[in-house]
């Protein structure tokens, strides 16, 4: 069970050092609008942080994982985790510092109630009304299954060469046989190394790299068909299928939420 879900089951979302809501240490300590620039890295913060793109899609990198944020989802990130934000053009992310340390990143569904509470808090000064609204946010926060795009950390020199080449030229059409020929190894050996290091077949790993790269173009506003060609897909339909299989949503939904 996630930290937020556990505390909701216990009837509270703890404050700093386990203080109960209503004490001098609020459940939610700060609320602001952040003007993140593309690829801006945020320092690890003392408190956990809730990120919500109220009108624009964004990609947030936490450790080895890239997470696609849309207005229907907020992402809670534990304290001490540096993040990199790749926002779409438009309004910045709304951020809340949440004191619930020691747990993994957690997705929260943003329904109409939570949306209104987050917007309400945007301009609310400290005081009793704010404390009541903060507690209501804790009650309205429902963890949901996350969609995350993980790039395995490969250490094999041949795989690193391929990863760097695909990042630089994602439309390269090379299959495993061509890569093996260029690197002077057998295709069977290369496939075996890919599976051992990533848990994926070579083709699945290459697809993961391509879809990963496509996110940054999509949140920047590029058309789906254009992005599909740029990352090496001969048809837009094939790209949409690959994207949906990995993220559970269509690439067009990223543009729709801009």
Protein backbone atom coordinates (compact mmCIF):
# COMPACT_ATOMS: atom_id res chain seq x y z
CA UNK A 1 0.00 0.00 0.00
CA UNK A 2 1.34 3.45 -0.84
CA UNK A 3 2.09 5.96 1.90
CA UNK A 4 -0.83 8.21 1.01
CA UNK A 5 -3.25 5.30 0.75
CA UNK A 6 -2.08 3.92 4.11
CA UNK A 7 -2.55 7.23 5.85
CA UNK A 8 -5.97 7.73 4.33
CA UNK A 9 -6.95 4.31 5.64
CA UNK A 10 -5.67 5.33 9.06
CA UNK A 11 -7.82 8.44 8.80
CA UNK A 12 -5.05 10.98 8.53
CA UNK A 13 -2.20 12.22 6.35
CA UNK A 14 0.56 12.85 8.85
CA UNK A 15 2.32 16.14 9.43
CA UNK A 16 6.04 16.59 10.08
CA UNK A 17 7.42 14.06 12.59
CA UNK A 18 3.99 12.42 12.83
CA UNK A 19 2.09 15.42 14.14
CA UNK A 20 -1.63 15.16 13.67
CA UNK A 21 -3.56 17.52 11.39
CA UNK A 22 -4.65 20.62 13.22
CA UNK A 23 -1.31 21.05 14.97
CA UNK A 24 1.02 23.92 14.19
CA UNK A 25 2.57 21.82 11.39
CA UNK A 26 0.09 21.69 8.53
CA UNK A 27 -0.52 18.69 6.32
CA UNK A 28 0.28 20.89 3.33
CA UNK A 29 2.92 23.50 3.96
CA UNK A 30 3.03 25.59 0.80
CA UNK A 31 1.23 26.19 -2.45
CA UNK A 32 2.54 28.14 -5.39
CA UNK A 33 2.57 28.37 -9.15
CA UNK A 34 5.93 27.30 -10.55
CA UNK A 35 7.27 28.63 -13.84
CA UNK A 36 9.41 25.65 -14.80
CA UNK A 37 11.54 26.07 -17.90
CA UNK A 38 12.08 23.05 -20.19
CA UNK A 39 14.58 20.60 -18.71
CA UNK A 40 14.96 22.68 -15.54
CA UNK A 41 16.25 20.55 -12.66
CA UNK A 42 14.76 21.13 -9.24
CA UNK A 43 16.86 20.53 -6.14
CA UNK A 44 15.73 17.85 -3.73
CA UNK A 45 13.35 19.46 -1.25
CA UNK A 46 12.83 18.97 2.46
CA UNK A 47 9.18 18.05 2.03
CA UNK A 48 7.34 15.83 -0.42
CA UNK A 49 5.86 17.62 -3.39
CA UNK A 50 2.58 17.25 -5.26
CA UNK A 51 2.79 18.24 -8.94
CA UNK A 52 -0.31 18.97 -11.00
CA UNK A 53 -0.44 20.39 -14.56
CA UNK A 54 -3.84 22.04 -14.40
CA UNK A 55 -3.99 22.99 -18.10
CA UNK A 56 -0.91 21.57 -19.82
CA UNK A 57 0.78 18.20 -20.20
CA UNK A 58 4.27 17.74 -18.80
CA UNK A 59 6.94 15.07 -18.47
CA UNK A 60 8.54 14.76 -15.04
CA UNK A 61 11.75 12.76 -14.60
CA UNK A 62 12.25 11.26 -11.13
CA UNK A 63 15.36 9.10 -10.94
CA UNK A 64 15.27 6.59 -13.80
CA UNK A 65 11.59 7.12 -14.54
CA UNK A 66 9.82 9.55 -16.84
CA UNK A 67 6.23 10.23 -15.94
CA UNK A 68 3.66 11.83 -18.20
CA UNK A 69 1.42 14.29 -16.34
CA UNK A 70 -1.96 15.43 -17.65
CA UNK A 71 -4.66 17.49 -15.87
CA UNK A 72 -6.45 14.31 -14.77
CA UNK A 73 -3.40 13.18 -12.77
CA UNK A 74 -1.26 14.67 -10.01
CA UNK A 75 2.03 13.13 -8.94
CA UNK A 76 3.21 13.09 -5.33
CA UNK A 77 7.03 12.86 -5.00
CA UNK A 78 8.70 12.04 -1.66
CA UNK A 79 11.16 14.40 -0.01
CA UNK A 80 14.77 14.15 -1.11
CA UNK A 81 14.05 13.24 -4.75
CA UNK A 82 15.52 15.65 -7.33
CA UNK A 83 13.23 16.07 -10.32
CA UNK A 84 13.51 17.40 -13.86
CA UNK A 85 10.43 18.94 -15.45
CA UNK A 86 9.82 19.11 -19.21
CA UNK A 87 6.63 21.18 -19.52
CA UNK A 88 4.56 22.01 -22.53
CA UNK A 89 4.40 25.63 -23.52
CA UNK A 90 1.81 27.39 -21.43
CA UNK A 91 1.01 27.72 -17.71
CA UNK A 92 3.45 26.28 -15.20
CA UNK A 93 2.75 23.43 -12.83
CA UNK A 94 0.87 23.90 -9.62
CA UNK A 95 2.96 22.54 -6.75
CA UNK A 96 2.15 21.68 -3.15
CA UNK A 97 4.69 20.70 -0.50
CA UNK A 98 3.20 17.69 1.27
CA UNK A 99 4.61 16.25 4.50
CA UNK A 100 4.35 12.48 4.09
CA UNK A 101 7.99 11.34 3.97
CA UNK A 102 9.49 7.96 3.19
CA UNK A 103 7.27 6.56 0.46
CA UNK A 104 7.42 6.00 -3.28
CA UNK A 105 6.11 8.43 -5.93
CA UNK A 106 2.33 8.08 -6.09
CA UNK A 107 -0.25 9.04 -8.73
CA UNK A 108 -3.43 10.77 -7.59
CA UNK A 109 -6.54 11.02 -9.70
CA UNK A 110 -7.68 14.64 -10.00
CA UNK A 111 -11.46 14.63 -10.06
CA UNK A 112 -13.72 17.67 -9.88
CA UNK A 113 -13.50 17.95 -6.07
CA UNK A 114 -9.71 17.78 -5.85
CA UNK A 115 -9.37 20.11 -8.84
CA UNK A 116 -11.51 22.77 -7.16
CA UNK A 117 -9.65 22.40 -3.87
CA UNK A 118 -6.25 22.81 -5.52
CA UNK A 119 -7.41 25.89 -7.41
CA UNK A 120 -8.98 27.28 -4.23
CA UNK A 121 -5.72 26.88 -2.32
CA UNK A 122 -3.79 28.77 -5.00
CA UNK A 123 -4.73 32.16 -3.57
CA UNK A 124 -5.65 31.27 0.01
CA UNK A 125 -3.49 32.83 2.77
CA UNK A 126 -2.56 30.97 5.97
CA UNK A 127 -5.35 30.64 8.51
CA UNK A 128 -8.19 28.41 9.62
CA UNK A 129 -9.95 28.26 6.19
CA UNK A 130 -6.69 27.14 4.61
CA UNK A 131 -6.11 24.44 7.22
CA UNK A 132 -9.60 23.07 6.61
CA UNK A 133 -9.00 23.07 2.85
CA UNK A 134 -5.68 21.28 3.34
CA UNK A 135 -7.36 18.50 5.28
CA UNK A 136 -10.01 18.22 2.58
CA UNK A 137 -7.25 17.75 -0.01
CA UNK A 138 -5.91 14.82 2.02
CA UNK A 139 -9.39 13.25 2.08
CA UNK A 140 -9.91 13.81 -1.66
CA UNK A 141 -6.52 12.36 -2.69
CA UNK A 142 -7.19 8.96 -4.26
CA UNK A 143 -4.11 6.96 -5.38
CA UNK A 144 -4.47 5.44 -8.84
CA UNK A 145 -2.36 3.13 -11.00
CA UNK A 146 0.51 5.05 -12.56
CA UNK A 147 1.73 5.15 -16.14
CA UNK A 148 5.49 5.38 -16.15
CA UNK A 149 8.12 5.06 -18.81
CA UNK A 150 11.30 3.57 -17.41
CA UNK A 151 14.59 3.50 -19.24
CA UNK A 152 16.70 0.65 -17.84
CA UNK A 153 20.27 1.58 -16.97
CA UNK A 154 22.36 -0.41 -19.44
CA UNK A 155 26.06 -0.98 -18.71
CA UNK A 156 27.02 -3.17 -21.65
CA UNK A 157 29.23 -1.09 -24.01
CA UNK A 158 27.42 -2.30 -27.13
CA UNK A 159 24.00 -1.47 -25.70
CA UNK A 160 25.22 1.93 -24.52
CA UNK A 161 26.43 2.66 -28.06
CA UNK A 162 23.03 1.73 -29.46
CA UNK A 163 21.19 3.81 -26.85
CA UNK A 164 23.31 6.88 -27.60
CA UNK A 165 22.83 6.42 -31.35
CA UNK A 166 19.06 6.06 -31.05
CA UNK A 167 18.87 9.15 -28.86
CA UNK A 168 20.80 11.13 -31.45
CA UNK A 169 18.98 9.61 -34.45
CA UNK A 170 15.72 7.98 -33.28
CA UNK A 171 14.55 7.33 -36.85
CA UNK A 172 17.39 4.88 -37.55
CA UNK A 173 15.72 1.78 -39.03
CA UNK A 174 18.36 -0.69 -37.86
CA UNK A 175 17.14 -4.07 -36.63
CA UNK A 176 19.19 -6.17 -34.26
CA UNK A 177 21.03 -7.82 -37.17
CA UNK A 178 22.33 -4.50 -38.51
CA UNK A 179 23.42 -3.31 -35.09
CA UNK A 180 25.18 -6.61 -34.48
CA UNK A 181 27.03 -6.30 -37.79
CA UNK A 182 28.18 -2.76 -36.98
CA UNK A 183 29.32 -3.72 -33.49
CA UNK A 184 31.06 -6.92 -34.50
CA UNK A 185 28.95 -9.34 -32.46
CA UNK A 186 26.33 -11.90 -33.38
CA UNK A 187 22.67 -10.89 -33.35
CA UNK A 188 21.98 -13.69 -30.87
CA UNK A 189 24.61 -12.35 -28.49
CA UNK A 190 23.26 -8.80 -28.76
CA UNK A 191 19.69 -9.97 -28.18
CA UNK A 192 20.78 -11.98 -25.15
CA UNK A 193 22.61 -8.99 -23.66
CA UNK A 194 19.58 -6.73 -24.19
CA UNK A 195 17.27 -9.16 -22.41
CA UNK A 196 19.74 -9.70 -19.56
CA UNK A 197 20.16 -5.96 -18.90
CA UNK A 198 16.67 -4.63 -19.61
CA UNK A 199 14.29 -7.55 -19.12
CA UNK A 200 12.99 -6.82 -22.63
CA UNK A 201 13.57 -8.19 -26.08
CA UNK A 202 15.80 -6.06 -28.28
CA UNK A 203 12.77 -4.84 -30.24
CA UNK A 204 10.85 -3.92 -27.09
CA UNK A 205 13.84 -2.01 -25.74
CA UNK A 206 14.20 -0.07 -29.00
CA UNK A 207 10.48 0.77 -28.91
CA UNK A 208 10.87 1.99 -25.33
CA UNK A 209 13.70 4.31 -26.38
CA UNK A 210 11.67 5.74 -29.26
CA UNK A 211 8.49 6.35 -27.26
CA UNK A 212 10.56 7.88 -24.47
CA UNK A 213 12.06 10.37 -26.93
CA UNK A 214 8.67 11.13 -28.45
CA UNK A 215 7.30 12.51 -25.17
CA UNK A 216 9.49 15.60 -25.25
CA UNK A 217 8.38 16.48 -28.78
CA UNK A 218 4.72 15.89 -27.96
CA UNK A 219 4.67 18.11 -24.87
CA UNK A 220 6.41 20.79 -26.94
CA UNK A 221 3.41 20.78 -29.29
CA UNK A 222 4.64 18.75 -32.28
CA UNK A 223 1.95 16.94 -34.28
CA UNK A 224 1.58 13.20 -33.69
CA UNK A 225 2.27 12.34 -37.33
CA UNK A 226 5.41 14.47 -37.31
CA UNK A 227 6.69 12.87 -34.11
CA UNK A 228 5.94 9.39 -35.45
CA UNK A 229 8.20 10.02 -38.44
CA UNK A 230 10.91 11.62 -36.31
CA UNK A 231 11.19 8.58 -34.04
CA UNK A 232 11.29 6.08 -36.88
CA UNK A 233 7.73 4.89 -37.47
CA UNK A 234 6.59 4.39 -41.06
CA UNK A 235 2.96 4.94 -40.08
CA UNK A 236 1.27 7.10 -37.48
CA UNK A 237 -0.95 4.18 -36.55
CA UNK A 238 1.99 1.97 -35.58
CA UNK A 239 3.37 4.75 -33.38
CA UNK A 240 0.00 5.24 -31.67
CA UNK A 241 -0.24 1.50 -30.92
CA UNK A 242 3.28 1.42 -29.42
CA UNK A 243 2.61 4.57 -27.37
CA UNK A 244 -0.69 3.22 -26.03
CA UNK A 245 0.83 -0.12 -25.08
CA UNK A 246 3.50 1.60 -22.98
CA UNK A 247 1.54 4.48 -21.45
CA UNK A 248 -2.08 3.40 -21.59
CA UNK A 249 -3.12 6.53 -23.48
CA UNK A 250 -2.92 7.90 -27.02
CA UNK A 251 -0.22 10.43 -27.94
CA UNK A 252 -2.99 12.79 -29.07
CA UNK A 253 -4.16 13.08 -25.46
CA UNK A 254 -0.93 14.91 -24.65
CA UNK A 255 -1.75 17.56 -27.26
CA UNK A 256 -5.39 17.68 -26.22
CA UNK A 257 -4.38 18.68 -22.69
CA UNK A 258 -2.09 21.50 -23.74
